[in-house]
PDB file of N, CA and C in Angstrom:
ATOM      1  N   MET A   1      51.373 -65.907 112.004  1.00  0.00           N
ATOM      2  CA  MET A   1      50.320 -64.937 111.593  1.00  0.00           C
ATOM      3  C   MET A   1      49.228 -65.913 110.903  1.00  0.00           C
ATOM      4  N   PRO A   2      47.990 -65.805 111.405  1.00  0.00           N
ATOM      5  CA  PRO A   2      46.897 -66.625 110.790  1.00  0.00           C
ATOM      6  C   PRO A   2      46.681 -66.112 109.320  1.00  0.00           C
ATOM      7  N   ASP A   3      46.052 -67.090 108.567  1.00  0.00           N
ATOM      8  CA  ASP A   3      45.746 -66.763 107.229  1.00  0.00           C
ATOM      9  C   ASP A   3      44.651 -65.694 107.297  1.00  0.00           C
ATOM     10  N   THR A   4      44.638 -64.775 106.309  1.00  0.00           N
ATOM     11  CA  THR A   4      43.608 -63.775 106.182  1.00  0.00           C
ATOM     12  C   THR A   4      42.561 -64.242 105.132  1.00  0.00           C
ATOM     13  N   LYS A   5      41.380 -63.826 105.273  1.00  0.00           N
ATOM     14  CA  LYS A   5      40.265 -64.061 104.225  1.00  0.00           C
ATOM     15  C   LYS A   5      39.701 -62.716 103.925  1.00  0.00           C
ATOM     16  N   PRO A   6      40.384 -62.100 102.899  1.00  0.00           N
ATOM     17  CA  PRO A   6      39.878 -60.829 102.432  1.00  0.00           C
ATOM     18  C   PRO A   6      38.560 -60.932 101.718  1.00  0.00           C
ATOM     19  N   ALA A   7      37.805 -59.901 101.829  1.00  0.00           N
ATOM     20  CA  ALA A   7      36.430 -59.943 101.167  1.00  0.00           C
ATOM     21  C   ALA A   7      36.088 -58.480 100.852  1.00  0.00           C
ATOM     22  N   LEU A   8      35.524 -58.293  99.659  1.00  0.00           N
ATOM     23  CA  LEU A   8      34.940 -57.051  99.315  1.00  0.00           C
ATOM     24  C   LEU A   8      33.598 -56.901  99.884  1.00  0.00           C
ATOM     25  N   VAL A   9      33.363 -55.911 100.682  1.00  0.00           N
ATOM     26  CA  VAL A   9      32.088 -55.547 101.336  1.00  0.00           C
ATOM     27  C   VAL A   9      31.480 -54.348 100.709  1.00  0.00           C
ATOM     28  N   LEU A  10      30.282 -54.565 100.243  1.00  0.00           N
ATOM     29  CA  LEU A  10      29.506 -53.547  99.557  1.00  0.00           C
ATOM     30  C   LEU A  10      28.275 -53.212 100.327  1.00  0.00           C
ATOM     31  N   HIS A  11      28.010 -51.943 100.620  1.00  0.00           N
ATOM     32  CA  HIS A  11      26.735 -51.433 101.220  1.00  0.00           C
ATOM     33  C   HIS A  11      26.014 -50.746 100.097  1.00  0.00           C
ATOM     34  N   LEU A  12      24.922 -51.168  99.670  1.00  0.00           N
ATOM     35  CA  LEU A  12      24.259 -50.590  98.602  1.00  0.00           C
ATOM     36  C   LEU A  12      23.457 -49.230  99.026  1.00  0.00           C
ATOM     37  N   ALA A  13      23.326 -48.287  98.155  1.00  0.00           N
ATOM     38  CA  ALA A  13      22.712 -46.981  98.413  1.00  0.00           C
ATOM     39  C   ALA A  13      21.247 -47.303  98.838  1.00  0.00           C
ATOM     40  N   THR A  14      20.692 -48.389  98.353  1.00  0.00           N
ATOM     41  CA  THR A  14      19.271 -48.603  98.663  1.00  0.00           C
ATOM     42  C   THR A  14      19.095 -49.258 100.036  1.00  0.00           C
ATOM     43  N   GLY A  15      20.097 -49.594 100.761  1.00  0.00           N
ATOM     44  CA  GLY A  15      19.967 -50.144 102.073  1.00  0.00           C
ATOM     45  C   GLY A  15      20.062 -51.722 101.933  1.00  0.00           C
ATOM     46  N   GLY A  16      19.692 -52.286 103.064  1.00  0.00           N
ATOM     47  CA  GLY A  16      19.696 -53.755 103.230  1.00  0.00           C
ATOM     48  C   GLY A  16      21.048 -54.294 103.673  1.00  0.00           C
ATOM     49  N   GLU A  17      21.182 -55.594 103.742  1.00  0.00           N
ATOM     50  CA  GLU A  17      22.371 -56.229 104.253  1.00  0.00           C
ATOM     51  C   GLU A  17      23.549 -56.026 103.269  1.00  0.00           C
ATOM     52  N   PRO A  18      24.728 -55.902 103.767  1.00  0.00           N
ATOM     53  CA  PRO A  18      25.823 -55.760 102.914  1.00  0.00           C
ATOM     54  C   PRO A  18      26.121 -56.934 102.018  1.00  0.00           C
ATOM     55  N   LEU A  19      26.702 -56.790 100.867  1.00  0.00           N
ATOM     56  CA  LEU A  19      27.125 -57.926  99.965  1.00  0.00           C
ATOM     57  C   LEU A  19      28.565 -58.178 100.318  1.00  0.00           C
ATOM     58  N   LEU A  20      28.883 -59.430 100.399  1.00  0.00           N
ATOM     59  CA  LEU A  20      30.250 -59.895 100.631  1.00  0.00           C
ATOM     60  C   LEU A  20      30.733 -60.816  99.561  1.00  0.00           C
ATOM     61  N   PHE A  21      31.967 -60.526  99.025  1.00  0.00           N
ATOM     62  CA  PHE A  21      32.511 -61.277  98.017  1.00  0.00           C
ATOM     63  C   PHE A  21      33.969 -61.637  98.501  1.00  0.00           C
ATOM     64  N   ALA A  22      34.245 -62.921  98.676  1.00  0.00           N
ATOM     65  CA  ALA A  22      35.531 -63.491  99.071  1.00  0.00           C
ATOM     66  C   ALA A  22      36.578 -63.132  97.877  1.00  0.00           C
ATOM     67  N   LEU A  23      37.668 -62.625  98.236  1.00  0.00           N
ATOM     68  CA  LEU A  23      38.694 -62.265  97.217  1.00  0.00           C
ATOM     69  C   LEU A  23      39.884 -63.200  97.343  1.00  0.00           C
ATOM     70  N   PRO A  24      40.504 -63.294  96.130  1.00  0.00           N
ATOM     71  CA  PRO A  24      41.909 -63.967  96.297  1.00  0.00           C
ATOM     72  C   PRO A  24      42.834 -63.011  96.979  1.00  0.00           C
ATOM     73  N   PRO A  25      43.685 -63.488  97.856  1.00  0.00           N
ATOM     74  CA  PRO A  25      44.559 -62.564  98.673  1.00  0.00           C
ATOM     75  C   PRO A  25      45.383 -61.715  97.729  1.00  0.00           C
ATOM     76  N   GLU A  26      45.864 -62.272  96.545  1.00  0.00           N
ATOM     77  CA  GLU A  26      46.774 -61.535  95.813  1.00  0.00           C
ATOM     78  C   GLU A  26      46.091 -60.424  95.007  1.00  0.00           C
ATOM     79  N   ASP A  27      44.765 -60.407  94.948  1.00  0.00           N
ATOM     80  CA  ASP A  27      44.011 -59.408  94.350  1.00  0.00           C
ATOM     81  C   ASP A  27      43.423 -58.321  95.241  1.00  0.00           C
ATOM     82  N   ALA A  28      43.357 -58.691  96.573  1.00  0.00           N
ATOM     83  CA  ALA A  28      42.698 -57.786  97.522  1.00  0.00           C
ATOM     84  C   ALA A  28      43.353 -56.366  97.654  1.00  0.00           C
ATOM     85  N   GLU A  29      44.633 -56.331  97.704  1.00  0.00           N
ATOM     86  CA  GLU A  29      45.407 -55.052  97.872  1.00  0.00           C
ATOM     87  C   GLU A  29      45.132 -54.162  96.655  1.00  0.00           C
ATOM     88  N   LYS A  30      45.330 -54.759  95.435  1.00  0.00           N
ATOM     89  CA  LYS A  30      45.052 -53.973  94.241  1.00  0.00           C
ATOM     90  C   LYS A  30      43.640 -53.327  94.253  1.00  0.00           C
ATOM     91  N   LEU A  31      42.663 -54.181  94.581  1.00  0.00           N
ATOM     92  CA  LEU A  31      41.267 -53.689  94.599  1.00  0.00           C
ATOM     93  C   LEU A  31      41.141 -52.613  95.683  1.00  0.00           C
ATOM     94  N   GLU A  32      41.616 -52.803  96.791  1.00  0.00           N
ATOM     95  CA  GLU A  32      41.421 -51.955  97.916  1.00  0.00           C
ATOM     96  C   GLU A  32      42.098 -50.522  97.550  1.00  0.00           C
ATOM     97  N   ALA A  33      43.183 -50.473  96.771  1.00  0.00           N
ATOM     98  CA  ALA A  33      43.817 -49.193  96.361  1.00  0.00           C
ATOM     99  C   ALA A  33      42.888 -48.460  95.357  1.00  0.00           C
ATOM    100  N   LYS A  34      42.070 -49.176  94.665  1.00  0.00           N
ATOM    101  CA  LYS A  34      41.191 -48.629  93.653  1.00  0.00           C
ATOM    102  C   LYS A  34      39.773 -48.206  94.073  1.00  0.00           C
ATOM    103  N   ILE A  35      39.379 -48.647  95.339  1.00  0.00           N
ATOM    104  CA  ILE A  35      38.016 -48.462  95.678  1.00  0.00           C
ATOM    105  C   ILE A  35      37.513 -46.965  95.670  1.00  0.00           C
ATOM    106  N   SER A  36      38.315 -46.116  96.194  1.00  0.00           N
ATOM    107  CA  SER A  36      37.863 -44.667  96.242  1.00  0.00           C
ATOM    108  C   SER A  36      37.598 -44.128  94.854  1.00  0.00           C
ATOM    109  N   ASP A  37      38.477 -44.425  93.884  1.00  0.00           N
ATOM    110  CA  ASP A  37      38.275 -44.002  92.511  1.00  0.00           C
ATOM    111  C   ASP A  37      37.011 -44.610  91.926  1.00  0.00           C
ATOM    112  N   LEU A  38      36.834 -45.975  92.158  1.00  0.00           N
ATOM    113  CA  LEU A  38      35.630 -46.685  91.664  1.00  0.00           C
ATOM    114  C   LEU A  38      34.315 -45.963  92.118  1.00  0.00           C
ATOM    115  N   LEU A  39      34.336 -45.628  93.439  1.00  0.00           N
ATOM    116  CA  LEU A  39      33.158 -44.903  94.005  1.00  0.00           C
ATOM    117  C   LEU A  39      33.031 -43.475  93.428  1.00  0.00           C
ATOM    118  N   ALA A  40      34.046 -42.806  93.457  1.00  0.00           N
ATOM    119  CA  ALA A  40      33.970 -41.405  92.972  1.00  0.00           C
ATOM    120  C   ALA A  40      33.682 -41.280  91.502  1.00  0.00           C
ATOM    121  N   ASP A  41      34.064 -42.207  90.653  1.00  0.00           N
ATOM    122  CA  ASP A  41      33.840 -42.110  89.199  1.00  0.00           C
ATOM    123  C   ASP A  41      32.489 -42.923  88.888  1.00  0.00           C
ATOM    124  N   LYS A  42      31.903 -43.548  89.818  1.00  0.00           N
ATOM    125  CA  LYS A  42      30.698 -44.310  89.678  1.00  0.00           C
ATOM    126  C   LYS A  42      30.930 -45.447  88.484  1.00  0.00           C
ATOM    127  N   THR A  43      32.095 -46.070  88.602  1.00  0.00           N
ATOM    128  CA  THR A  43      32.611 -46.970  87.582  1.00  0.00           C
ATOM    129  C   THR A  43      31.892 -48.368  87.697  1.00  0.00           C
ATOM    130  N   ILE A  44      31.710 -48.951  86.460  1.00  0.00           N
ATOM    131  CA  ILE A  44      31.207 -50.388  86.386  1.00  0.00           C
ATOM    132  C   ILE A  44      32.508 -51.280  86.176  1.00  0.00           C
ATOM    133  N   THR A  45      32.726 -52.137  87.030  1.00  0.00           N
ATOM    134  CA  THR A  45      33.987 -52.962  86.911  1.00  0.00           C
ATOM    135  C   THR A  45      33.721 -54.424  87.190  1.00  0.00           C
ATOM    136  N   SER A  46      34.575 -55.316  86.818  1.00  0.00           N
ATOM    137  CA  SER A  46      34.380 -56.698  87.195  1.00  0.00           C
ATOM    138  C   SER A  46      35.505 -57.063  88.152  1.00  0.00           C
ATOM    139  N   VAL A  47      35.109 -57.999  89.055  1.00  0.00           N
ATOM    140  CA  VAL A  47      36.032 -58.405  90.180  1.00  0.00           C
ATOM    141  C   VAL A  47      35.970 -59.945  90.150  1.00  0.00           C
ATOM    142  N   LYS A  48      37.180 -60.496  90.191  1.00  0.00           N
ATOM    143  CA  LYS A  48      37.361 -61.927  90.436  1.00  0.00           C
ATOM    144  C   LYS A  48      37.153 -62.342  91.844  1.00  0.00           C
ATOM    145  N   THR A  49      36.373 -63.309  92.089  1.00  0.00           N
ATOM    146  CA  THR A  49      36.177 -63.818  93.499  1.00  0.00           C
ATOM    147  C   THR A  49      37.143 -64.962  93.738  1.00  0.00           C
ATOM    148  N   LYS A  50      37.241 -65.260  95.002  1.00  0.00           N
ATOM    149  CA  LYS A  50      38.170 -66.370  95.377  1.00  0.00           C
ATOM    150  C   LYS A  50      37.796 -67.696  94.794  1.00  0.00           C
ATOM    151  N   GLU A  51      36.532 -67.910  94.505  1.00  0.00           N
ATOM    152  CA  GLU A  51      36.102 -69.145  93.968  1.00  0.00           C
ATOM    153  C   GLU A  51      36.252 -69.241  92.403  1.00  0.00           C
ATOM    154  N   GLY A  52      36.756 -68.136  91.862  1.00  0.00           N
ATOM    155  CA  GLY A  52      36.988 -68.158  90.392  1.00  0.00           C
ATOM    156  C   GLY A  52      35.930 -67.483  89.577  1.00  0.00           C
ATOM    157  N   SER A  53      34.792 -67.074  90.168  1.00  0.00           N
ATOM    158  CA  SER A  53      33.765 -66.498  89.467  1.00  0.00           C
ATOM    159  C   SER A  53      34.125 -64.947  89.262  1.00  0.00           C
ATOM    160  N   THR A  54      33.426 -64.361  88.298  1.00  0.00           N
ATOM    161  CA  THR A  54      33.642 -62.930  88.089  1.00  0.00           C
ATOM    162  C   THR A  54      32.250 -62.276  88.371  1.00  0.00           C
ATOM    163  N   VAL A  55      32.254 -61.230  89.152  1.00  0.00           N
ATOM    164  CA  VAL A  55      31.036 -60.362  89.373  1.00  0.00           C
ATOM    165  C   VAL A  55      31.356 -58.947  88.783  1.00  0.00           C
ATOM    166  N   THR A  56      30.300 -58.358  88.220  1.00  0.00           N
ATOM    167  CA  THR A  56      30.435 -57.049  87.657  1.00  0.00           C
ATOM    168  C   THR A  56      29.538 -56.160  88.578  1.00  0.00           C
ATOM    169  N   ILE A  57      30.192 -55.111  89.059  1.00  0.00           N
ATOM    170  CA  ILE A  57      29.592 -54.247  90.038  1.00  0.00           C
ATOM    171  C   ILE A  57      29.495 -52.806  89.483  1.00  0.00           C
ATOM    172  N   ASN A  58      28.266 -52.290  89.661  1.00  0.00           N
ATOM    173  CA  ASN A  58      28.009 -50.849  89.119  1.00  0.00           C
ATOM    174  C   ASN A  58      28.234 -50.048  90.525  1.00  0.00           C
ATOM    175  N   PHE A  59      29.292 -49.338  90.694  1.00  0.00           N
ATOM    176  CA  PHE A  59      29.627 -48.561  91.900  1.00  0.00           C
ATOM    177  C   PHE A  59      28.760 -47.333  91.939  1.00  0.00           C
ATOM    178  N   ALA A  60      27.932 -46.945  90.884  1.00  0.00           N
ATOM    179  CA  ALA A  60      26.995 -45.827  91.117  1.00  0.00           C
ATOM    180  C   ALA A  60      25.827 -46.277  92.046  1.00  0.00           C
ATOM    181  N   HIS A  61      25.713 -47.527  92.381  1.00  0.00           N
ATOM    182  CA  HIS A  61      24.604 -48.003  93.256  1.00  0.00           C
ATOM    183  C   HIS A  61      25.213 -48.375  94.698  1.00  0.00           C
ATOM    184  N   VAL A  62      26.545 -48.162  94.829  1.00  0.00           N
ATOM    185  CA  VAL A  62      27.159 -48.528  96.059  1.00  0.00           C
ATOM    186  C   VAL A  62      27.392 -47.238  96.962  1.00  0.00           C
ATOM    187  N   ALA A  63      26.960 -47.381  98.289  1.00  0.00           N
ATOM    188  CA  ALA A  63      27.243 -46.211  99.080  1.00  0.00           C
ATOM    189  C   ALA A  63      28.509 -46.334  99.793  1.00  0.00           C
ATOM    190  N   VAL A  64      28.978 -47.504 100.216  1.00  0.00           N
ATOM    191  CA  VAL A  64      30.204 -47.780 100.933  1.00  0.00           C
ATOM    192  C   VAL A  64      30.745 -49.106 100.476  1.00  0.00           C
ATOM    193  N   ALA A  65      32.057 -49.087 100.249  1.00  0.00           N
ATOM    194  CA  ALA A  65      32.785 -50.223  99.774  1.00  0.00           C
ATOM    195  C   ALA A  65      34.128 -50.253 100.477  1.00  0.00           C
ATOM    196  N   TYR A  66      34.567 -51.429 100.832  1.00  0.00           N
ATOM    197  CA  TYR A  66      35.870 -51.617 101.564  1.00  0.00           C
ATOM    198  C   TYR A  66      36.267 -53.148 101.478  1.00  0.00           C
ATOM    199  N   VAL A  67      37.518 -53.370 101.733  1.00  0.00           N
ATOM    200  CA  VAL A  67      38.020 -54.721 101.831  1.00  0.00           C
ATOM    201  C   VAL A  67      38.212 -55.023 103.308  1.00  0.00           C
ATOM    202  N   ASP A  68      37.690 -56.095 103.776  1.00  0.00           N
ATOM    203  CA  ASP A  68      37.792 -56.541 105.167  1.00  0.00           C
ATOM    204  C   ASP A  68      38.344 -57.870 105.257  1.00  0.00           C
ATOM    205  N   ASP A  69      38.882 -58.202 106.398  1.00  0.00           N
ATOM    206  CA  ASP A  69      39.441 -59.549 106.666  1.00  0.00           C
ATOM    207  C   ASP A  69      38.268 -60.402 107.433  1.00  0.00           C
ATOM    208  N   LEU A  70      37.793 -61.324 106.813  1.00  0.00           N
ATOM    209  CA  LEU A  70      36.642 -62.085 107.405  1.00  0.00           C
ATOM    210  C   LEU A  70      37.123 -62.972 108.565  1.00  0.00           C
ATOM    211  N   GLN A  71      38.381 -63.155 108.684  1.00  0.00           N
ATOM    212  CA  GLN A  71      39.058 -64.012 109.629  1.00  0.00           C
ATOM    213  C   GLN A  71      38.955 -63.377 111.033  1.00  0.00           C
ATOM    214  N   ARG A  72      38.963 -62.104 111.142  1.00  0.00           N
ATOM    215  CA  ARG A  72      38.962 -61.378 112.401  1.00  0.00           C
ATOM    216  C   ARG A  72      37.696 -61.638 113.281  1.00  0.00           C
ATOM    217  N   LYS A  73      37.880 -61.794 114.514  1.00  0.00           N
ATOM    218  CA  LYS A  73      36.773 -62.002 115.381  1.00  0.00           C
ATOM    219  C   LYS A  73      36.455 -60.717 116.137  1.00  0.00           C
ATOM    220  N   GLY A  74      35.217 -60.427 116.563  1.00  0.00           N
ATOM    221  CA  GLY A  74      34.868 -59.179 117.191  1.00  0.00           C
ATOM    222  C   GLY A  74      35.143 -57.973 116.519  1.00  0.00           C
ATOM    223  N   ARG A  75      34.679 -57.916 115.263  1.00  0.00           N
ATOM    224  CA  ARG A  75      34.897 -56.868 114.414  1.00  0.00           C
ATOM    225  C   ARG A  75      34.206 -55.557 114.849  1.00  0.00           C
ATOM    226  N   VAL A  76      34.854 -54.401 114.755  1.00  0.00           N
ATOM    227  CA  VAL A  76      34.291 -53.166 115.108  1.00  0.00           C
ATOM    228  C   VAL A  76      34.666 -52.254 113.883  1.00  0.00           C
ATOM    229  N   PHE A  77      33.776 -51.726 113.240  1.00  0.00           N
ATOM    230  CA  PHE A  77      33.935 -50.840 112.022  1.00  0.00           C
ATOM    231  C   PHE A  77      35.033 -49.844 112.377  1.00  0.00           C
ATOM    232  N   GLY A  78      36.034 -49.816 111.439  1.00  0.00           N
ATOM    233  CA  GLY A  78      37.099 -48.713 111.614  1.00  0.00           C
ATOM    234  C   GLY A  78      38.168 -49.049 112.516  1.00  0.00           C
ATOM    235  N   LEU A  79      38.162 -50.133 113.265  1.00  0.00           N
ATOM    236  CA  LEU A  79      39.286 -50.463 114.182  1.00  0.00           C
ATOM    237  C   LEU A  79      39.840 -51.817 113.711  1.00  0.00           C
ATOM    238  N   HIS A  80      41.160 -51.903 114.002  1.00  0.00           N
ATOM    239  CA  HIS A  80      41.864 -53.161 113.538  1.00  0.00           C
ATOM    240  C   HIS A  80      42.187 -53.830 114.850  1.00  0.00           C
TER     241      HIS A  80
END
């Protein structure tokens, strides 16, 4: 099985290109499980990136958020 490259993908409510943040594989599943609550509660939270940086995200300004594998080729939204 090839290595995965998980990333947090954020589509802002104001539009524009999505923001992508590479995630450490060990943190990706935990964050993915919390995304729906973060969006529903319009939470402000900090996320550690794969590079060791920390980004703080205000989910009140996010329309869509999900964890995706950047390693996949030929991505189609919603299909694996």
